[in-house]
Amino acid sequence: MSSPRFPPVAGLLVGITAASTAAIFIRQAQTAIPSLAVAAWRLALASLLLAPFALATRRAEWRQLTRQEWLLALVSGVMLALHFAAWISSLALTTVAASVSLVATSPLFIGVLSHFVLKERLTRQMLIGLPLALVGTVVVAWGDAGQGTHRLTGDLLALLGAVGAAGYFLIGRRLRGRLSLLAYIFPVYGTAAVVLMALAAFSGAPLGGYGGSTWLWLLLLALIPQIVGHSSLNWALAYLPATYVAVVTLGEPIGSSTLAWLLLHEPPTVVTVAGAALILGGIVVATRTSA
């Protein structure tokens, strides 16, 4: 992989800033359509916008991929679909602050998956950070317990979304060394779109007949947090370790929670802030050697 034209960290900052807007756009779209439909159209619209450029310029790269690499790309798309299906659904059930803090635990799942799948030993920092983040997760869940079972369901879905993101980042780190950004994200986003469309249709979620404002929120969701945000993170994966990229994404919960406070009038509770601080602190401790 050749040297980047500008620092990978700059790409990460652009990605995090753009990704932080996702929860706001999702909440607006969820006022009119189900969560699975929001997730499906986020990826479908992003794939459609990228299709002309990808199909016109990246076919030569795809022809060089092995069957195993194509399989990995498809699995990455499935993991991305899992991430969005679970996380976007969680936003309809719990607060933005709780949801984005819990889904941000993906670096911990990356460390655990690396231990069991890649046979990499857990570091001393990981063994300290994991329990710390776990305590933070329990604190967030405890704070939500008194608000109804839907809040706890939302918390669990956010954690499931973190598992999906972990698999997506791990596979992306491997394939991005082999593929250009567009050659990688188009089949991955496309696969995720197909999976999410199928899930939405199976659940009975309407996939059309929306009003103009709903389509606007979906288009903004596809353009800003998906194409700009996620694509910037995928670009950085070619130059930085997956865990490092995932750690930097810890800026997203801060940005998303702040925007939710300012735009949705949804201030985080003291308990949620305390739990989120423990989660983010545990992740920083667990992954600091990779940074």
Protein backbone atom coordinates (compact mmCIF):
# COMPACT_ATOMS: atom_id res chain seq x y z
CA MET A 1 0.00 0.00 0.00
CA SER A 2 1.48 3.38 -1.08
CA SER A 3 1.85 6.28 1.33
CA PRO A 4 -1.36 8.29 1.85
CA ARG A 5 -1.69 11.81 0.45
CA PHE A 6 -2.73 13.14 3.84
CA PRO A 7 -2.37 11.78 7.40
CA PRO A 8 -4.61 8.79 8.22
CA VAL A 9 -5.50 10.43 11.55
CA ALA A 10 -7.01 13.33 9.58
CA GLY A 11 -9.18 10.83 7.74
CA LEU A 12 -10.27 9.38 11.07
CA LEU A 13 -11.26 12.82 12.36
CA VAL A 14 -13.36 13.45 9.26
CA GLY A 15 -14.93 10.00 9.66
CA ILE A 16 -15.79 10.47 13.33
CA THR A 17 -17.26 13.93 12.78
CA ALA A 18 -19.47 12.65 9.96
CA ALA A 19 -20.43 9.45 11.80
CA SER A 20 -21.52 11.44 14.86
CA THR A 21 -24.49 12.79 12.90
CA ALA A 22 -25.94 9.31 12.30
CA ALA A 23 -27.99 9.05 15.50
CA ILE A 24 -29.69 12.39 14.77
CA PHE A 25 -30.68 11.43 11.21
CA ILE A 26 -31.80 7.98 12.36
CA ARG A 27 -34.03 9.40 15.09
CA GLN A 28 -35.68 11.74 12.58
CA ALA A 29 -36.33 8.92 10.10
CA GLN A 30 -37.61 6.61 12.86
CA THR A 31 -40.53 8.95 13.49
CA ALA A 32 -42.05 7.71 10.22
CA ILE A 33 -40.62 4.26 9.41
CA PRO A 34 -39.37 1.16 11.30
CA SER A 35 -35.72 0.77 12.30
CA LEU A 36 -34.96 -2.06 9.87
CA ALA A 37 -36.24 0.05 6.98
CA VAL A 38 -33.95 2.89 8.10
CA ALA A 39 -30.96 0.53 8.19
CA ALA A 40 -31.83 -1.02 4.83
CA TRP A 41 -32.18 2.27 3.00
CA ARG A 42 -29.05 3.71 4.61
CA LEU A 43 -26.96 1.01 2.93
CA ALA A 44 -29.07 0.73 -0.22
CA LEU A 45 -28.88 4.44 -1.02
CA ALA A 46 -25.15 4.52 -0.25
CA SER A 47 -24.59 1.54 -2.57
CA LEU A 48 -26.65 3.12 -5.37
CA LEU A 49 -24.71 6.38 -5.10
CA LEU A 50 -21.38 4.52 -5.29
CA ALA A 51 -22.39 2.05 -8.01
CA PRO A 52 -21.60 4.16 -11.14
CA PHE A 53 -18.08 4.96 -9.91
CA ALA A 54 -17.30 1.47 -8.61
CA LEU A 55 -18.60 -0.43 -11.65
CA ALA A 56 -16.79 1.90 -14.06
CA THR A 57 -13.37 1.83 -12.38
CA ARG A 58 -12.90 -1.17 -10.06
CA ARG A 59 -13.71 -4.31 -12.07
CA ALA A 60 -10.03 -5.11 -12.67
CA GLU A 61 -9.39 -5.25 -8.91
CA TRP A 62 -12.35 -7.53 -8.32
CA ARG A 63 -11.18 -9.98 -11.00
CA GLN A 64 -7.94 -10.46 -9.05
CA LEU A 65 -9.69 -11.48 -5.83
CA THR A 66 -9.60 -15.11 -4.76
CA ARG A 67 -12.70 -17.04 -3.79
CA GLN A 68 -11.67 -16.77 -0.13
CA GLU A 69 -11.31 -12.98 -0.40
CA TRP A 70 -14.75 -12.68 -1.98
CA LEU A 71 -16.14 -14.77 0.85
CA LEU A 72 -14.48 -12.46 3.39
CA ALA A 73 -15.99 -9.41 1.68
CA LEU A 74 -19.44 -11.00 1.83
CA VAL A 75 -18.99 -11.90 5.51
CA SER A 76 -17.88 -8.33 6.19
CA GLY A 77 -21.12 -7.12 4.59
CA VAL A 78 -23.17 -9.49 6.74
CA MET A 79 -21.38 -8.25 9.88
CA LEU A 80 -22.06 -4.66 8.82
CA ALA A 81 -25.73 -5.53 8.34
CA LEU A 82 -25.80 -7.05 11.84
CA HIS A 83 -24.19 -3.92 13.24
CA PHE A 84 -26.73 -1.55 11.71
CA ALA A 85 -29.79 -3.74 12.24
CA ALA A 86 -29.01 -4.08 15.96
CA TRP A 87 -27.69 -0.59 16.64
CA ILE A 88 -30.35 1.38 14.74
CA SER A 89 -33.02 -0.73 16.44
CA SER A 90 -31.46 0.10 19.81
CA LEU A 91 -31.83 3.83 19.14
CA ALA A 92 -35.61 3.40 19.09
CA LEU A 93 -35.55 1.79 22.54
CA THR A 94 -32.93 3.56 24.63
CA THR A 95 -31.20 6.94 24.81
CA VAL A 96 -28.66 8.10 22.26
CA ALA A 97 -26.00 8.40 24.97
CA ALA A 98 -26.51 4.82 26.21
CA SER A 99 -26.75 3.35 22.72
CA VAL A 100 -23.65 5.00 21.26
CA SER A 101 -21.60 4.30 24.40
CA LEU A 102 -22.45 0.59 24.35
CA VAL A 103 -21.96 0.16 20.61
CA ALA A 104 -18.53 1.78 21.06
CA THR A 105 -17.33 -1.34 22.93
CA SER A 106 -16.36 -2.89 19.57
CA PRO A 107 -12.59 -2.59 20.30
CA LEU A 108 -13.06 -4.93 23.27
CA PHE A 109 -14.81 -7.48 21.09
CA ILE A 110 -11.99 -7.10 18.56
CA GLY A 111 -9.50 -7.99 21.30
CA VAL A 112 -11.54 -11.00 22.43
CA LEU A 113 -12.10 -12.22 18.85
CA SER A 114 -8.40 -11.82 18.11
CA HIS A 115 -7.65 -14.00 21.14
CA PHE A 116 -9.99 -16.85 20.18
CA VAL A 117 -9.98 -16.61 16.38
CA LEU A 118 -6.46 -15.37 15.61
CA LYS A 119 -4.90 -17.02 18.68
CA GLU A 120 -3.42 -13.73 19.87
CA ARG A 121 -2.86 -13.58 23.63
CA LEU A 122 -4.81 -11.01 25.61
CA THR A 123 -2.46 -8.31 26.82
CA ARG A 124 -2.16 -7.15 30.42
CA GLN A 125 -3.87 -3.90 29.45
CA MET A 126 -6.75 -5.83 27.89
CA LEU A 127 -7.20 -7.88 31.07
CA ILE A 128 -7.45 -4.62 33.05
CA GLY A 129 -9.60 -2.72 30.59
CA LEU A 130 -12.15 -5.46 29.94
CA PRO A 131 -13.48 -5.63 33.54
CA LEU A 132 -13.49 -1.81 33.75
CA ALA A 133 -15.61 -1.50 30.60
CA LEU A 134 -17.82 -4.36 31.81
CA VAL A 135 -18.53 -2.44 35.02
CA GLY A 136 -19.42 0.59 32.91
CA THR A 137 -21.82 -1.53 30.85
CA VAL A 138 -23.51 -2.77 34.03
CA VAL A 139 -23.79 0.83 35.29
CA VAL A 140 -25.48 1.97 32.07
CA ALA A 141 -27.85 -1.02 32.19
CA TRP A 142 -28.60 -0.37 35.87
CA GLY A 143 -29.45 3.23 35.09
CA ASP A 144 -31.82 2.09 32.33
CA ALA A 145 -33.42 -0.70 34.40
CA GLY A 146 -35.77 1.71 36.14
CA GLN A 147 -36.93 3.16 32.82
CA GLY A 148 -38.58 -0.02 31.51
CA THR A 149 -37.53 -3.29 29.90
CA HIS A 150 -37.39 -1.61 26.48
CA ARG A 151 -34.33 0.34 27.66
CA LEU A 152 -32.50 -2.89 28.59
CA THR A 153 -33.47 -4.44 25.26
CA GLY A 154 -32.01 -1.39 23.54
CA ASP A 155 -28.80 -1.75 25.55
CA LEU A 156 -28.45 -5.41 24.54
CA LEU A 157 -29.06 -4.55 20.89
CA ALA A 158 -26.35 -1.88 21.07
CA LEU A 159 -23.90 -4.49 22.40
CA LEU A 160 -24.89 -6.84 19.59
CA GLY A 161 -24.19 -3.98 17.21
CA ALA A 162 -20.71 -3.72 18.71
CA VAL A 163 -20.08 -7.40 17.92
CA GLY A 164 -21.06 -6.78 14.31
CA ALA A 165 -18.77 -3.75 14.09
CA ALA A 166 -15.88 -5.78 15.51
CA GLY A 167 -16.15 -8.39 12.77
CA TYR A 168 -16.53 -5.67 10.14
CA PHE A 169 -13.36 -3.86 11.30
CA LEU A 170 -11.28 -7.06 11.57
CA ILE A 171 -12.13 -8.22 8.06
CA GLY A 172 -11.75 -4.70 6.68
CA ARG A 173 -8.22 -4.45 8.04
CA ARG A 174 -7.28 -7.58 6.12
CA LEU A 175 -8.95 -6.75 2.81
CA ARG A 176 -8.07 -3.05 2.70
CA GLY A 177 -4.42 -3.99 2.31
CA ARG A 178 -5.44 -5.76 -0.90
CA LEU A 179 -8.14 -3.48 -2.29
CA SER A 180 -8.61 0.22 -2.92
CA LEU A 181 -11.23 1.97 -0.81
CA LEU A 182 -13.98 1.95 -3.44
CA ALA A 183 -13.27 -1.63 -4.49
CA TYR A 184 -13.73 -2.71 -0.88
CA ILE A 185 -16.68 -0.66 0.34
CA PHE A 186 -18.96 -1.17 -2.67
CA PRO A 187 -19.36 -4.97 -2.38
CA VAL A 188 -19.47 -4.73 1.42
CA TYR A 189 -22.10 -1.98 1.50
CA GLY A 190 -24.01 -3.76 -1.28
CA THR A 191 -24.04 -7.07 0.60
CA ALA A 192 -25.20 -5.31 3.78
CA ALA A 193 -27.94 -3.56 1.81
CA VAL A 194 -29.26 -6.85 0.36
CA VAL A 195 -29.25 -8.53 3.78
CA LEU A 196 -30.99 -5.58 5.45
CA MET A 197 -33.58 -5.27 2.68
CA ALA A 198 -34.38 -8.97 3.09
CA LEU A 199 -34.67 -8.62 6.87
CA ALA A 200 -36.90 -5.56 6.55
CA ALA A 201 -39.18 -7.27 4.02
CA PHE A 202 -39.35 -10.42 6.16
CA SER A 203 -40.32 -8.35 9.21
CA GLY A 204 -43.10 -6.63 7.27
CA ALA A 205 -41.49 -3.19 7.38
CA PRO A 206 -42.72 -0.97 4.51
CA LEU A 207 -39.92 -0.17 2.05
CA GLY A 208 -41.70 2.58 0.15
CA GLY A 209 -44.48 5.14 0.22
CA TYR A 210 -42.51 7.53 2.45
CA GLY A 211 -42.93 11.28 2.59
CA GLY A 212 -40.39 13.71 1.20
CA SER A 213 -38.90 14.58 4.60
CA THR A 214 -38.29 10.90 5.39
CA TRP A 215 -36.44 10.39 2.10
CA LEU A 216 -34.37 13.49 2.89
CA TRP A 217 -33.28 12.08 6.27
CA LEU A 218 -32.45 8.73 4.65
CA LEU A 219 -30.43 10.42 1.90
CA LEU A 220 -28.50 12.50 4.45
CA LEU A 221 -27.90 9.31 6.46
CA ALA A 222 -26.46 7.59 3.38
CA LEU A 223 -24.34 10.57 2.32
CA ILE A 224 -22.84 11.96 5.53
CA PRO A 225 -22.34 9.23 8.17
CA GLN A 226 -22.18 6.33 5.69
CA ILE A 227 -20.34 7.45 2.55
CA VAL A 228 -18.26 10.16 4.22
CA GLY A 229 -18.05 8.75 7.75
CA HIS A 230 -17.68 4.99 7.34
CA SER A 231 -15.72 5.30 4.10
CA SER A 232 -13.18 7.56 5.82
CA LEU A 233 -12.74 4.94 8.56
CA ASN A 234 -12.33 2.22 5.93
CA TRP A 235 -9.75 4.34 4.14
CA ALA A 236 -7.76 4.66 7.37
CA LEU A 237 -7.84 0.86 7.85
CA ALA A 238 -5.32 0.53 5.00
CA TYR A 239 -2.73 2.40 7.07
CA LEU A 240 -3.64 1.82 10.72
CA PRO A 241 -4.43 -1.25 12.90
CA ALA A 242 -8.11 -2.15 13.26
CA THR A 243 -7.99 -1.70 17.04
CA TYR A 244 -6.48 1.77 16.70
CA VAL A 245 -9.20 2.83 14.27
CA ALA A 246 -11.85 1.39 16.57
CA VAL A 247 -10.37 3.25 19.56
CA VAL A 248 -10.44 6.58 17.76
CA THR A 249 -14.13 5.98 17.03
CA LEU A 250 -14.66 6.55 20.76
CA GLY A 251 -15.07 10.18 19.75
CA GLU A 252 -18.40 9.24 18.15
CA PRO A 253 -20.31 8.69 21.43
CA ILE A 254 -19.18 12.10 22.62
CA GLY A 255 -20.21 13.81 19.39
CA SER A 256 -23.50 11.93 19.10
CA SER A 257 -24.48 12.54 22.73
CA THR A 258 -23.69 16.23 22.42
CA LEU A 259 -25.77 16.57 19.25
CA ALA A 260 -28.64 14.64 20.89
CA TRP A 261 -28.52 17.03 23.82
CA LEU A 262 -28.50 20.14 21.61
CA LEU A 263 -30.86 19.04 18.82
CA LEU A 264 -33.10 16.39 20.38
CA HIS A 265 -33.18 17.92 23.88
CA GLU A 266 -32.05 14.57 25.31
CA PRO A 267 -29.48 15.26 28.04
CA PRO A 268 -27.67 12.15 29.34
CA THR A 269 -28.32 11.17 32.95
CA VAL A 270 -25.57 11.25 35.54
CA VAL A 271 -25.63 7.43 35.72
CA THR A 272 -25.30 7.11 31.94
CA VAL A 273 -22.40 9.57 31.88
CA ALA A 274 -20.66 7.65 34.69
CA GLY A 275 -21.15 4.31 32.94
CA ALA A 276 -20.04 5.73 29.59
CA ALA A 277 -16.89 7.16 31.22
CA LEU A 278 -16.04 3.72 32.65
CA ILE A 279 -16.68 2.07 29.26
CA LEU A 280 -14.54 4.54 27.32
CA GLY A 281 -11.83 4.47 29.99
CA GLY A 282 -11.73 0.69 29.92
CA ILE A 283 -11.39 0.68 26.14
CA VAL A 284 -8.57 3.21 26.23
CA VAL A 285 -6.70 1.15 28.84
CA ALA A 286 -7.32 -2.11 26.99
CA THR A 287 -6.08 -0.86 23.64
CA ARG A 288 -3.49 1.78 24.46
CA THR A 289 -0.56 -0.40 23.35
CA SER A 290 -2.05 -0.54 19.84
CA ALA A 291 -2.19 3.21 19.62
